[in-house]
Amino acid sequence: MTAPTIGDVRRARPDALGHLATRVGGHAARLRAAASARATSGPGDTWTGPASSAAGGRHTELMVTARTVADGLDRCAAAIRAAGEQVADAQRTLDQAERAARAGGTHLLDSGALASTGSALPGSPDTAVVVARLAERARADYGAALFTLRARLTAASGRYAVSPPAQSMAPHSSSAPWSPWWSQASPTSISPPPDGPIAASAWFAGLSDIERDEVIRSHPEWVGPRDGLPAWARDRANRLVLESAAQRLMAELAARRDEPTDADQPWRDVLRPQLRSRRVIELIAALDGLRAIKEVLATDDGRRRQLLSLDATGGTLTAAVTSGDLDGAGHVAVFVPGFQADVAGDLASYSRGVEAAADLADRLSRAHGDGRPVVGVTWLGYAAPTVLEVVVPGRSVAGWGPATAGSPALGSLLAGLDAAGRAAHPQEPPRLVLWGHSYGSLVTGLALRDATVPVAAAVVFGSPGMGVDTVAQLRLPPGQLYVEEALDDVVAATSRFAADPGLWREATQLSVAQQDLPDGSVGRVAHGHEEYLTAGSTSQWNLAAVAAGTTDLVRRRAPCPPWSPLSQQPPPSCERPMRLG
């Protein structure tokens, strides 16, 4: 299917889709009514014998066929109606883009380009970026509506199409009893999900409840890692994958521990353990990680955690766990950790920090925001650099390698959250926010730079750089990048990866000092590199306020007046993060 243009979105007629859905639904209702009216008009009790049995069987078959076709038409009508609503949403987004373009003295062409109207008005330099993002969102939403409609109609036509075999109306012999066509049909074959979050979401939407249960049970590896599917389905599948992965890794570890050593040379007894231990170490770490995941999921505190992702197939175990029911969330905050982040050693502590911040955000949303639930995601979905890899090319924390390799996975997660959220809440999809810590802020920056879906805001804390030179490269809404830096955070002072976020005027610089908070409490100061998620801190408050969309509640870092250590004056009382170099 050719990619739609802005002109296609303009010319679309969602009202026509609504009328078509009504007509198709009417056909279904009439067919079902006719089947019900004729359900009792069979051969009757006065006609007996083989011919009567054959006629009765055919009558039953026709009634079931009619109801099946009616069910299929209802499914098609629902798909067409949903597509009409999605197209209307896309056109409303396009209207926003066109209003923004007019405010900047430009006109949005059918191709998506901006043309001057000859009466350019003084406006923000971000206007073109805003228009482009809105136009791309409208075009993508329109394309997703068409793709989803096609997938749902294809699934319905395959599931509800009926082709009863020609049955002889001649009397059946007792040795060849009549058999209805639906009892002879084989179960529907379910194909694996297609690539891409939007396509995967449409594939899952086209399955019946029975088929969903079957595919999760029979092929959890199809569902668990697939971005774009509902979190409840991924959680069920990933828990099955977790158990099978634990058995597989334990078997491999047992086999490798029994491997014979090569004693041809006298030093082999010393070198051989090191030569073969890398995979053994990976297996032990993976099993420890699986155990940590089980413990987090089994925590009995009333929280509905979900195992959103799990990958035990590579050298590094990766996983993501939610703080609550992701499918019901109105705001989703994804925490991206940095150096040394490891499922076995860090999932439990990171989850506690994310859960506490998400709970605070949920309270802020209900008290001061739109009231929608806030859910956090602890995402250990990439191979973070470790201390043993500092001198390893392509894996050092001082280099770009791990972030470059990990950012596409974060981008896919965001696209999947967007697709699943729009499927569950088409009128008001969840708002996506990123929390990037330390080296994870570089992963965050690269993912935002290449993002294909809108991210509402991002907070980076303890950041050595986001891998970009300007805020505009992050493709965030204006003013929606927030930065936290502790005064004694050496990592944030390095500015290792491109420009220093702590110096960007376009970013909102947040306080991590002791502050009076809007709820009457006093936020504690965050020290060093690891205290940004500390409960009760000003830093945690700010993270929660951004996640909840209540950004008017954040505590900003006041600018420091110029001061020199050589001056005779004492340093001013303000937050002045350190800088190296």
Protein backbone atom coordinates (compact mmCIF):
# COMPACT_ATOMS: atom_id res chain seq x y z
CA MET A 1 0.00 0.00 0.00
CA THR A 2 1.38 3.39 -1.04
CA ALA A 3 2.12 5.70 1.87
CA PRO A 4 -0.72 8.24 2.26
CA THR A 5 -0.10 11.95 1.80
CA ILE A 6 -1.44 14.99 3.58
CA GLY A 7 -3.73 15.45 0.59
CA ASP A 8 -5.16 11.97 1.16
CA VAL A 9 -5.96 12.88 4.76
CA ARG A 10 -7.66 16.09 3.63
CA ARG A 11 -9.82 14.32 1.05
CA ALA A 12 -10.84 11.43 3.30
CA ARG A 13 -14.52 11.12 4.19
CA PRO A 14 -14.98 9.58 7.63
CA ASP A 15 -18.71 10.28 7.38
CA ALA A 16 -18.91 7.95 4.37
CA LEU A 17 -17.25 5.21 6.42
CA GLY A 18 -19.82 5.78 9.15
CA HIS A 19 -22.70 5.46 6.68
CA LEU A 20 -21.15 2.30 5.22
CA ALA A 21 -20.79 0.78 8.69
CA THR A 22 -24.47 1.48 9.35
CA ARG A 23 -25.51 -0.18 6.08
CA VAL A 24 -23.37 -3.27 6.72
CA GLY A 25 -24.71 -3.52 10.26
CA GLY A 26 -28.25 -3.26 8.89
CA HIS A 27 -27.62 -6.16 6.52
CA ALA A 28 -26.35 -8.22 9.46
CA ALA A 29 -29.45 -7.43 11.52
CA ARG A 30 -31.83 -8.36 8.70
CA LEU A 31 -29.98 -11.60 8.00
CA ARG A 32 -30.02 -12.56 11.67
CA ALA A 33 -33.72 -11.73 11.95
CA ALA A 34 -34.52 -13.84 8.90
CA ALA A 35 -32.55 -16.76 10.31
CA SER A 36 -34.38 -16.50 13.64
CA ALA A 37 -37.78 -16.34 11.91
CA ARG A 38 -37.05 -19.49 9.94
CA ALA A 39 -35.37 -21.38 12.75
CA THR A 40 -38.62 -23.13 13.66
CA SER A 41 -39.82 -23.77 10.10
CA GLY A 42 -38.06 -27.09 9.61
CA PRO A 43 -39.49 -30.32 8.19
CA GLY A 44 -41.75 -30.73 11.20
CA ASP A 45 -42.94 -33.86 12.98
CA THR A 46 -45.23 -35.14 10.22
CA TRP A 47 -42.43 -35.80 7.73
CA THR A 48 -40.16 -38.64 8.72
CA GLY A 49 -37.59 -40.83 7.08
CA PRO A 50 -34.21 -40.36 5.38
CA ALA A 51 -35.36 -37.46 3.19
CA SER A 52 -36.69 -35.64 6.23
CA SER A 53 -33.36 -36.10 8.02
CA ALA A 54 -31.47 -34.74 5.03
CA ALA A 55 -33.76 -31.73 4.73
CA GLY A 56 -33.53 -31.05 8.45
CA GLY A 57 -29.75 -31.18 8.30
CA ARG A 58 -29.65 -28.77 5.37
CA HIS A 59 -32.11 -26.44 7.14
CA THR A 60 -29.92 -26.36 10.25
CA GLU A 61 -26.85 -25.78 8.12
CA LEU A 62 -28.44 -22.81 6.38
CA MET A 63 -29.52 -21.27 9.70
CA VAL A 64 -26.01 -21.58 11.15
CA THR A 65 -24.52 -20.24 7.93
CA ALA A 66 -26.80 -17.20 8.06
CA ARG A 67 -25.89 -16.46 11.67
CA THR A 68 -22.19 -16.90 10.89
CA VAL A 69 -22.36 -14.48 7.98
CA ALA A 70 -24.30 -12.02 10.16
CA ASP A 71 -21.60 -12.23 12.83
CA GLY A 72 -18.99 -11.55 10.17
CA LEU A 73 -20.91 -8.55 8.86
CA ASP A 74 -21.15 -7.18 12.40
CA ARG A 75 -17.39 -7.57 12.78
CA CYS A 76 -16.85 -5.77 9.46
CA ALA A 77 -19.23 -2.97 10.46
CA ALA A 78 -17.37 -2.46 13.73
CA ALA A 79 -14.04 -2.33 11.89
CA ILE A 80 -15.36 0.21 9.36
CA ARG A 81 -16.88 2.36 12.10
CA ALA A 82 -13.62 2.33 14.10
CA ALA A 83 -11.69 3.28 10.97
CA GLY A 84 -14.02 6.22 10.41
CA GLU A 85 -13.38 7.45 13.95
CA GLN A 86 -9.62 7.09 13.48
CA VAL A 87 -9.73 8.99 10.19
CA ALA A 88 -11.72 11.76 11.87
CA ASP A 89 -9.07 11.92 14.61
CA ALA A 90 -6.36 12.19 11.96
CA GLN A 91 -8.19 15.07 10.32
CA ARG A 92 -8.53 16.86 13.65
CA THR A 93 -4.78 16.54 14.13
CA LEU A 94 -4.28 17.88 10.61
CA ASP A 95 -6.52 20.83 11.49
CA GLN A 96 -4.17 21.62 14.39
CA ALA A 97 -1.21 21.52 12.02
CA GLU A 98 -2.94 23.84 9.57
CA ARG A 99 -3.84 26.33 12.30
CA ALA A 100 -0.24 26.35 13.50
CA ALA A 101 0.97 26.85 9.93
CA ARG A 102 -1.40 29.78 9.36
CA ALA A 103 -0.26 31.37 12.62
CA GLY A 104 3.27 31.30 11.26
CA GLY A 105 2.31 32.76 7.90
CA THR A 106 2.63 29.50 5.98
CA HIS A 107 0.38 26.99 4.26
CA LEU A 108 0.60 23.20 4.48
CA LEU A 109 0.66 21.64 1.03
CA ASP A 110 -0.79 18.25 0.10
CA SER A 111 2.76 16.92 -0.08
CA GLY A 112 3.41 17.92 3.53
CA ALA A 113 5.74 20.80 2.63
CA LEU A 114 5.24 24.32 3.95
CA ALA A 115 4.75 27.24 1.57
CA SER A 116 4.85 30.91 2.51
CA THR A 117 1.59 32.82 2.18
CA GLY A 118 3.50 36.04 1.58
CA SER A 119 2.40 37.49 4.90
CA ALA A 120 4.76 35.80 7.30
CA LEU A 121 4.11 36.71 10.91
CA PRO A 122 6.77 36.90 13.57
CA GLY A 123 6.59 33.65 15.42
CA SER A 124 8.56 30.99 17.21
CA PRO A 125 11.33 29.27 15.26
CA ASP A 126 9.80 26.05 16.54
CA THR A 127 6.64 26.62 14.46
CA ALA A 128 7.90 24.62 11.50
CA VAL A 129 8.88 21.76 13.81
CA VAL A 130 5.45 21.78 15.47
CA VAL A 131 3.64 21.81 12.13
CA ALA A 132 5.81 19.02 10.76
CA ARG A 133 5.21 16.84 13.82
CA LEU A 134 1.44 17.36 13.75
CA ALA A 135 1.26 16.74 10.01
CA GLU A 136 3.33 13.57 10.29
CA ARG A 137 1.14 12.39 13.18
CA ALA A 138 -1.99 12.98 11.11
CA ARG A 139 -0.54 11.18 8.10
CA ALA A 140 0.64 8.26 10.26
CA ASP A 141 -2.73 7.99 12.05
CA TYR A 142 -4.55 7.96 8.73
CA GLY A 143 -2.24 5.26 7.38
CA ALA A 144 -2.68 3.23 10.57
CA ALA A 145 -6.46 3.49 10.23
CA LEU A 146 -6.33 2.11 6.68
CA PHE A 147 -3.88 -0.64 7.60
CA THR A 148 -5.92 -1.70 10.62
CA LEU A 149 -9.15 -1.68 8.61
CA ARG A 150 -7.64 -3.85 5.91
CA ALA A 151 -6.25 -6.29 8.47
CA ARG A 152 -9.57 -6.55 10.31
CA LEU A 153 -11.60 -7.02 7.14
CA THR A 154 -9.15 -9.66 5.90
CA ALA A 155 -9.36 -11.50 9.21
CA ALA A 156 -13.16 -11.31 9.22
CA SER A 157 -13.49 -12.52 5.64
CA GLY A 158 -11.28 -15.49 6.42
CA ARG A 159 -12.97 -16.37 9.69
CA TYR A 160 -16.60 -15.89 8.69
CA ALA A 161 -16.54 -16.91 5.02
CA VAL A 162 -18.67 -20.03 4.59
CA SER A 163 -18.56 -22.47 1.72
CA PRO A 164 -20.83 -25.39 2.56
CA PRO A 165 -19.98 -28.40 0.42
CA ALA A 166 -22.64 -29.55 -2.02
CA GLN A 167 -24.79 -32.03 -0.18
CA SER A 168 -26.95 -34.47 -2.05
CA MET A 169 -30.62 -34.07 -1.24
CA ALA A 170 -31.06 -37.78 -1.80
CA PRO A 171 -31.83 -39.85 1.24
CA HIS A 172 -28.76 -40.63 3.33
CA SER A 173 -28.08 -44.21 4.20
CA SER A 174 -27.61 -45.15 7.79
CA SER A 175 -23.97 -45.96 7.03
CA ALA A 176 -23.31 -42.41 5.82
CA PRO A 177 -25.04 -40.08 8.26
CA TRP A 178 -25.42 -36.42 7.38
CA SER A 179 -22.61 -34.23 8.74
CA PRO A 180 -22.73 -30.41 8.82
CA TRP A 181 -19.98 -28.48 7.05
CA TRP A 182 -18.84 -26.66 10.20
CA SER A 183 -18.08 -29.93 11.95
CA GLN A 184 -15.84 -30.96 9.06
CA ALA A 185 -13.82 -27.74 8.94
CA SER A 186 -10.31 -27.77 10.35
CA PRO A 187 -9.27 -25.14 12.93
CA THR A 188 -8.23 -21.80 11.52
CA SER A 189 -4.47 -21.56 11.05
CA ILE A 190 -3.05 -18.48 12.77
CA SER A 191 -0.04 -16.89 11.13
CA PRO A 192 2.74 -15.23 13.15
CA PRO A 193 2.35 -11.51 13.78
CA PRO A 194 3.78 -9.18 11.14
CA ASP A 195 6.70 -6.88 11.81
CA GLY A 196 6.05 -3.40 13.14
CA PRO A 197 3.97 -2.28 16.15
CA ILE A 198 1.01 -0.97 14.13
CA ALA A 199 0.81 -4.12 12.03
CA ALA A 200 1.15 -6.32 15.12
CA SER A 201 -1.61 -4.38 16.88
CA ALA A 202 -3.92 -4.86 13.90
CA TRP A 203 -3.05 -8.57 13.74
CA PHE A 204 -3.98 -9.05 17.39
CA ALA A 205 -7.17 -7.01 17.01
CA GLY A 206 -8.25 -9.38 14.24
CA LEU A 207 -8.08 -12.45 16.50
CA SER A 208 -11.03 -13.75 18.46
CA ASP A 209 -10.74 -14.21 22.22
CA ILE A 210 -10.34 -17.95 21.75
CA GLU A 211 -7.61 -17.44 19.18
CA ARG A 212 -5.79 -14.99 21.44
CA ASP A 213 -5.78 -17.50 24.28
CA GLU A 214 -4.58 -20.21 21.93
CA VAL A 215 -1.75 -18.20 20.42
CA ILE A 216 -0.53 -17.06 23.85
CA ARG A 217 -0.55 -20.62 25.12
CA SER A 218 0.91 -22.25 22.01
CA HIS A 219 3.26 -19.50 20.81
CA PRO A 220 4.18 -17.20 23.71
CA GLU A 221 7.35 -16.29 21.82
CA TRP A 222 5.15 -14.59 19.21
CA VAL A 223 3.36 -12.41 21.72
CA GLY A 224 5.75 -11.64 24.57
CA PRO A 225 8.40 -9.65 22.69
CA ARG A 226 6.03 -8.04 20.20
CA ASP A 227 5.81 -4.27 20.67
CA GLY A 228 2.33 -3.00 19.87
CA LEU A 229 0.35 -5.75 21.61
CA PRO A 230 -1.66 -5.19 24.82
CA ALA A 231 0.39 -5.44 28.00
CA TRP A 232 -1.93 -8.07 29.51
CA ALA A 233 -1.23 -10.42 26.59
CA ARG A 234 2.52 -9.78 26.64
CA ASP A 235 2.61 -10.34 30.39
CA ARG A 236 0.88 -13.72 30.13
CA ALA A 237 3.14 -14.78 27.29
CA ASN A 238 6.34 -13.55 28.92
CA ARG A 239 5.60 -15.43 32.14
CA LEU A 240 5.43 -18.62 30.08
CA VAL A 241 8.63 -17.66 28.28
CA LEU A 242 10.29 -17.02 31.65
CA GLU A 243 9.61 -20.54 32.86
CA SER A 244 10.79 -22.18 29.64
CA ALA A 245 13.88 -19.95 29.52
CA ALA A 246 14.82 -20.92 33.07
CA GLN A 247 14.62 -24.62 32.20
CA ARG A 248 16.59 -24.15 28.99
CA LEU A 249 19.36 -22.12 30.64
CA MET A 250 19.65 -24.52 33.57
CA ALA A 251 20.04 -27.43 31.17
CA GLU A 252 22.71 -25.59 29.18
CA LEU A 253 24.56 -24.62 32.35
CA ALA A 254 24.56 -28.22 33.57
CA ALA A 255 25.90 -29.41 30.22
CA ARG A 256 28.67 -26.83 30.15
CA ARG A 257 29.76 -27.56 33.67
CA ASP A 258 30.36 -31.15 32.60
CA GLU A 259 32.54 -30.22 29.63
CA PRO A 260 35.96 -31.94 29.73
CA THR A 261 39.03 -29.75 30.03
CA ASP A 262 41.84 -29.88 27.50
CA ALA A 263 44.99 -30.98 29.37
CA ASP A 264 47.29 -31.30 26.36
CA GLN A 265 49.38 -28.44 27.70
CA PRO A 266 50.36 -27.95 31.34
CA TRP A 267 48.88 -24.44 31.63
CA ARG A 268 45.48 -25.45 30.24
CA ASP A 269 44.21 -26.24 33.73
CA VAL A 270 44.77 -22.58 34.58
CA LEU A 271 43.62 -20.98 31.32
CA ARG A 272 40.73 -23.29 30.38
CA PRO A 273 38.28 -22.03 33.05
CA GLN A 274 38.77 -18.47 31.84
CA LEU A 275 38.49 -19.50 28.19
CA ARG A 276 35.19 -21.26 28.67
CA SER A 277 33.72 -19.24 31.55
CA ARG A 278 32.29 -16.33 29.59
CA ARG A 279 29.20 -18.27 28.51
CA VAL A 280 28.95 -19.91 31.94
CA ILE A 281 29.07 -16.48 33.56
CA GLU A 282 26.37 -15.29 31.15
CA LEU A 283 24.20 -18.28 32.02
CA ILE A 284 24.58 -17.75 35.76
CA ALA A 285 23.82 -14.03 35.38
CA ALA A 286 20.76 -14.79 33.24
CA LEU A 287 19.43 -17.31 35.76
CA ASP A 288 20.02 -14.83 38.57
CA GLY A 289 18.13 -12.27 36.50
CA LEU A 290 15.20 -14.60 35.90
CA ARG A 291 15.08 -15.26 39.62
CA ALA A 292 15.04 -11.51 40.28
CA ILE A 293 12.17 -11.05 37.83
CA LYS A 294 10.17 -13.79 39.54
CA GLU A 295 10.73 -12.17 42.92
CA VAL A 296 9.62 -8.75 41.71
CA LEU A 297 6.49 -10.17 40.06
CA ALA A 298 5.69 -12.26 43.14
CA THR A 299 5.85 -9.29 45.55
CA ASP A 300 2.58 -9.46 47.49
CA ASP A 301 1.67 -5.80 47.91
CA GLY A 302 -1.53 -5.58 45.87
CA ARG A 303 0.23 -4.07 42.88
CA ARG A 304 -0.60 -5.45 39.42
CA ARG A 305 2.83 -5.65 37.84
CA GLN A 306 3.23 -6.80 34.25
CA LEU A 307 6.24 -8.39 32.57
CA LEU A 308 6.21 -6.24 29.46
CA SER A 309 9.31 -7.70 27.82
CA LEU A 310 11.82 -10.48 28.36
CA ASP A 311 14.72 -11.64 26.22
CA ALA A 312 16.95 -14.44 27.46
CA THR A 313 18.27 -15.46 24.05
CA GLY A 314 21.34 -13.23 23.87
CA GLY A 315 24.41 -12.74 25.99
CA THR A 316 22.66 -10.18 28.21
CA LEU A 317 19.27 -10.76 29.82
CA THR A 318 16.89 -7.85 29.19
CA ALA A 319 13.47 -7.19 30.68
CA ALA A 320 10.86 -4.53 31.41
CA VAL A 321 8.39 -4.55 34.30
CA THR A 322 5.49 -2.15 34.84
CA SER A 323 4.35 -0.60 38.11
CA GLY A 324 0.70 -1.36 37.33
CA ASP A 325 -1.89 -2.05 34.65
CA LEU A 326 -0.34 -0.52 31.55
CA ASP A 327 -3.43 -1.07 29.40
CA GLY A 328 -5.43 1.29 31.61
CA ALA A 329 -2.78 4.00 31.88
CA GLY A 330 -3.32 7.57 30.74
CA HIS A 331 0.31 8.52 31.37
CA VAL A 332 3.28 6.17 30.91
CA ALA A 333 6.73 7.01 32.29
CA VAL A 334 9.59 4.85 30.98
CA PHE A 335 12.74 4.76 33.11
CA VAL A 336 15.96 4.18 31.13
CA PRO A 337 18.93 3.34 33.40
CA GLY A 338 22.60 3.70 32.61
CA PHE A 339 26.06 2.35 33.45
CA GLN A 340 26.11 -1.10 35.05
CA ALA A 341 22.30 -1.51 34.90
CA ASP A 342 21.62 -5.23 35.25
CA VAL A 343 18.44 -7.24 35.67
CA ALA A 344 19.84 -9.49 38.39
CA GLY A 345 21.35 -6.73 40.48
CA ASP A 346 19.18 -3.70 39.77
CA LEU A 347 15.64 -4.64 38.70
CA ALA A 348 14.30 -4.83 42.24
CA SER A 349 15.77 -1.53 43.44
CA TYR A 350 14.99 0.34 40.23
CA SER A 351 11.43 -1.00 40.27
CA ARG A 352 10.91 0.26 43.82
CA GLY A 353 12.12 3.72 42.82
CA VAL A 354 10.01 3.82 39.66
CA GLU A 355 6.94 2.53 41.49
CA ALA A 356 7.25 5.17 44.21
CA ALA A 357 7.68 7.98 41.66
CA ALA A 358 4.81 6.66 39.52
CA ASP A 359 2.55 6.41 42.58
CA LEU A 360 3.35 10.04 43.43
CA ALA A 361 2.65 11.00 39.82
CA ASP A 362 -0.67 9.16 39.98
CA ARG A 363 -1.68 11.18 43.04
CA LEU A 364 -0.67 14.42 41.31
CA SER A 365 -2.68 13.46 38.22
CA ARG A 366 -5.79 12.81 40.30
CA ALA A 367 -5.41 15.92 42.46
CA HIS A 368 -4.10 18.46 39.96
CA GLY A 369 -4.14 16.93 36.47
CA ASP A 370 -6.50 15.14 34.13
CA GLY A 371 -7.13 12.31 36.59
CA ARG A 372 -5.84 9.58 34.31
CA PRO A 373 -3.74 6.80 35.91
CA VAL A 374 0.06 6.97 35.77
CA VAL A 375 2.06 3.77 35.26
CA GLY A 376 5.85 3.48 35.27
CA VAL A 377 7.95 1.08 33.22
CA THR A 378 11.34 -0.06 34.50
CA TRP A 379 13.07 -0.71 31.19
CA LEU A 380 16.26 -2.74 31.29
CA GLY A 381 15.85 -3.47 27.61
CA TYR A 382 19.39 -2.94 26.36
CA ALA A 383 22.85 -4.22 27.20
CA ALA A 384 24.13 -1.40 29.41
CA PRO A 385 27.91 -0.94 29.54
CA THR A 386 29.68 -2.54 32.49
CA VAL A 387 32.86 -1.81 34.40
CA LEU A 388 34.55 -4.85 32.86
CA GLU A 389 33.94 -3.38 29.39
CA VAL A 390 35.52 0.02 29.95
CA VAL A 391 38.41 -0.83 27.62
CA VAL A 392 36.39 -3.01 25.22
CA PRO A 393 35.92 -1.29 21.83
CA GLY A 394 32.25 -0.71 21.08
CA ARG A 395 31.16 -1.54 24.63
CA SER A 396 32.82 1.12 26.79
CA VAL A 397 30.75 3.51 28.87
CA ALA A 398 33.02 6.21 27.46
CA GLY A 399 31.84 5.44 23.92
CA TRP A 400 28.64 5.54 21.91
CA GLY A 401 28.44 1.81 21.12
CA PRO A 402 26.01 0.51 23.77
CA ALA A 403 23.68 3.49 23.30
CA THR A 404 23.72 3.23 19.51
CA ALA A 405 22.91 -0.48 19.79
CA GLY A 406 20.23 0.01 22.46
CA SER A 407 18.32 3.07 21.27
CA PRO A 408 16.43 1.25 18.46
CA ALA A 409 14.94 -1.09 21.07
CA LEU A 410 13.75 1.91 23.07
CA GLY A 411 12.31 3.44 19.92
CA SER A 412 10.44 0.22 19.18
CA LEU A 413 9.10 0.17 22.74
CA LEU A 414 7.78 3.72 22.35
CA ALA A 415 6.16 2.89 19.01
CA GLY A 416 4.59 -0.18 20.59
CA LEU A 417 3.27 1.75 23.58
CA ASP A 418 1.79 4.29 21.18
CA ALA A 419 0.16 1.64 18.97
CA ALA A 420 -1.24 -0.36 21.89
CA GLY A 421 -2.40 2.80 23.63
CA ARG A 422 -4.21 4.09 20.56
CA ALA A 423 -5.89 0.71 20.11
CA ALA A 424 -7.09 0.70 23.73
CA HIS A 425 -7.90 4.42 24.00
CA PRO A 426 -8.45 5.81 20.49
CA GLN A 427 -10.06 9.02 21.76
CA GLU A 428 -7.32 9.85 24.26
CA PRO A 429 -4.15 7.77 23.86
CA PRO A 430 -1.75 7.61 26.79
CA ARG A 431 0.86 10.32 27.14
CA LEU A 432 4.44 9.00 26.89
CA VAL A 433 7.26 10.37 29.06
CA LEU A 434 10.90 9.28 29.29
CA TRP A 435 13.09 9.35 32.41
CA GLY A 436 16.72 8.93 31.33
CA HIS A 437 19.41 8.48 33.98
CA SER A 438 23.15 8.69 33.45
CA TYR A 439 24.26 6.79 30.31
CA GLY A 440 20.58 6.00 29.83
CA SER A 441 20.04 9.66 28.96
CA LEU A 442 22.24 9.11 25.89
CA VAL A 443 20.05 6.15 24.91
CA THR A 444 17.04 8.40 25.53
CA GLY A 445 18.45 11.18 23.35
CA LEU A 446 19.21 8.90 20.42
CA ALA A 447 15.77 7.28 20.65
CA LEU A 448 14.05 10.68 20.71
CA ARG A 449 16.12 11.87 17.77
CA ASP A 450 14.92 8.91 15.71
CA ALA A 451 11.42 8.59 17.21
CA THR A 452 8.49 7.80 14.92
CA VAL A 453 5.81 8.54 17.53
CA PRO A 454 5.21 11.60 19.70
CA VAL A 455 6.75 11.70 23.16
CA ALA A 456 5.16 14.29 25.43
CA ALA A 457 8.17 15.06 27.63
CA ALA A 458 11.51 13.77 28.84
CA VAL A 459 13.49 14.23 32.03
CA VAL A 460 17.20 13.46 32.03
CA PHE A 461 19.10 13.33 35.30
CA GLY A 462 22.79 12.86 35.87
CA SER A 463 23.25 13.15 32.10
CA PRO A 464 26.70 13.12 30.46
CA GLY A 465 24.99 14.27 27.24
CA MET A 466 22.12 13.18 25.03
CA GLY A 467 24.07 12.72 21.81
CA VAL A 468 22.62 15.80 20.11
CA ASP A 469 23.69 19.43 19.85
CA THR A 470 20.30 21.13 20.14
CA VAL A 471 16.99 20.52 21.89
CA ALA A 472 15.17 20.70 18.55
CA GLN A 473 16.91 17.49 17.43
CA LEU A 474 15.04 15.62 20.16
CA ARG A 475 11.69 16.32 18.45
CA LEU A 476 9.94 17.06 21.75
CA PRO A 477 7.19 19.65 22.12
CA PRO A 478 8.68 23.07 22.93
CA GLY A 479 9.69 23.38 26.57
CA GLN A 480 9.24 19.69 27.34
CA LEU A 481 12.84 18.68 28.00
CA TYR A 482 13.65 18.78 31.71
CA VAL A 483 17.11 18.43 33.25
CA GLU A 484 18.15 17.55 36.80
CA GLU A 485 21.75 17.78 38.01
CA ALA A 486 22.98 17.31 41.55
CA LEU A 487 25.63 19.81 42.60
CA ASP A 488 28.21 17.08 43.17
CA ASP A 489 27.31 14.76 40.26
CA VAL A 490 30.62 14.14 38.53
CA VAL A 491 29.04 12.21 35.65
CA ALA A 492 26.71 15.07 34.74
CA ALA A 493 29.69 17.42 34.81
CA THR A 494 31.57 15.62 32.03
CA SER A 495 29.45 16.65 29.00
CA ARG A 496 30.90 13.59 27.31
CA PHE A 497 28.31 13.08 24.58
CA ALA A 498 27.74 16.23 22.49
CA ALA A 499 26.24 19.33 24.11
CA ASP A 500 25.61 19.67 27.84
CA PRO A 501 21.85 19.49 28.59
CA GLY A 502 22.45 21.43 31.80
CA LEU A 503 23.42 24.48 29.74
CA TRP A 504 20.55 24.44 27.23
CA ARG A 505 18.37 27.53 27.53
CA GLU A 506 15.55 25.70 25.73
CA ALA A 507 15.48 23.03 28.44
CA THR A 508 13.77 23.48 31.79
CA GLN A 509 16.45 23.20 34.46
CA LEU A 510 14.96 21.60 37.58
CA SER A 511 16.00 21.88 41.19
CA VAL A 512 17.31 18.94 43.20
CA ALA A 513 17.91 21.01 46.35
CA GLN A 514 15.80 21.20 49.49
CA GLN A 515 12.58 22.90 48.46
CA ASP A 516 9.13 23.64 49.84
CA LEU A 517 6.79 21.53 47.71
CA PRO A 518 3.21 22.37 46.67
CA ASP A 519 1.74 19.65 48.89
CA GLY A 520 3.18 21.29 52.01
CA SER A 521 6.09 18.89 52.43
CA VAL A 522 9.77 19.74 52.16
CA GLY A 523 11.66 18.01 49.39
CA ARG A 524 15.02 16.59 50.37
CA VAL A 525 18.22 17.33 48.48
CA ALA A 526 19.62 14.75 46.05
CA HIS A 527 23.36 14.18 46.32
CA GLY A 528 25.78 12.62 43.86
CA HIS A 529 24.78 10.48 40.93
CA GLU A 530 22.36 7.95 42.41
CA GLU A 531 19.80 9.81 44.54
CA TYR A 532 17.48 11.30 41.93
CA LEU A 533 14.73 8.72 42.59
CA THR A 534 15.04 8.96 46.38
CA ALA A 535 11.62 9.03 48.02
CA GLY A 536 10.69 12.42 49.40
CA SER A 537 13.29 14.30 47.37
CA THR A 538 12.65 17.39 45.28
CA SER A 539 14.05 15.43 42.36
CA GLN A 540 11.44 12.68 42.74
CA TRP A 541 8.70 15.31 42.98
CA ASN A 542 9.81 16.85 39.70
CA LEU A 543 9.95 13.48 37.94
CA ALA A 544 6.43 12.71 39.12
CA ALA A 545 5.06 16.13 38.13
CA VAL A 546 6.36 15.77 34.58
CA ALA A 547 5.04 12.21 34.31
CA ALA A 548 1.58 13.32 35.44
CA GLY A 549 1.46 16.24 33.02
CA THR A 550 1.26 18.68 35.95
CA THR A 551 4.40 20.52 34.91
CA ASP A 552 3.26 23.73 36.59
CA LEU A 553 4.12 21.99 39.88
CA VAL A 554 7.82 21.41 39.12
CA ARG A 555 10.48 23.19 41.14
CA ARG A 556 12.91 24.97 38.83
CA ARG A 557 16.56 25.64 39.44
CA ALA A 558 17.06 29.36 39.92
CA PRO A 559 19.84 30.84 37.78
CA CYS A 560 23.02 31.72 39.64
CA PRO A 561 24.48 35.20 39.33
CA PRO A 562 28.07 35.47 38.05
CA TRP A 563 30.68 34.68 40.70
CA SER A 564 34.39 33.91 40.75
CA PRO A 565 36.34 32.02 43.43
CA LEU A 566 38.87 34.87 43.21
CA SER A 567 36.33 37.44 44.27
CA GLN A 568 36.21 38.74 47.82
CA GLN A 569 32.50 37.94 48.05
CA PRO A 570 31.05 34.70 49.41
CA PRO A 571 29.48 32.44 46.81
CA PRO A 572 25.79 33.13 46.20
CA SER A 573 23.23 30.79 47.72
CA CYS A 574 22.05 28.95 44.63
CA GLU A 575 22.36 25.65 42.79
CA ARG A 576 25.51 25.73 40.71
CA PRO A 577 26.27 22.26 39.27
CA MET A 578 29.92 21.49 38.77
CA ARG A 579 31.53 21.46 35.33
CA LEU A 580 34.64 19.56 34.28
CA GLY A 581 36.77 20.92 31.47
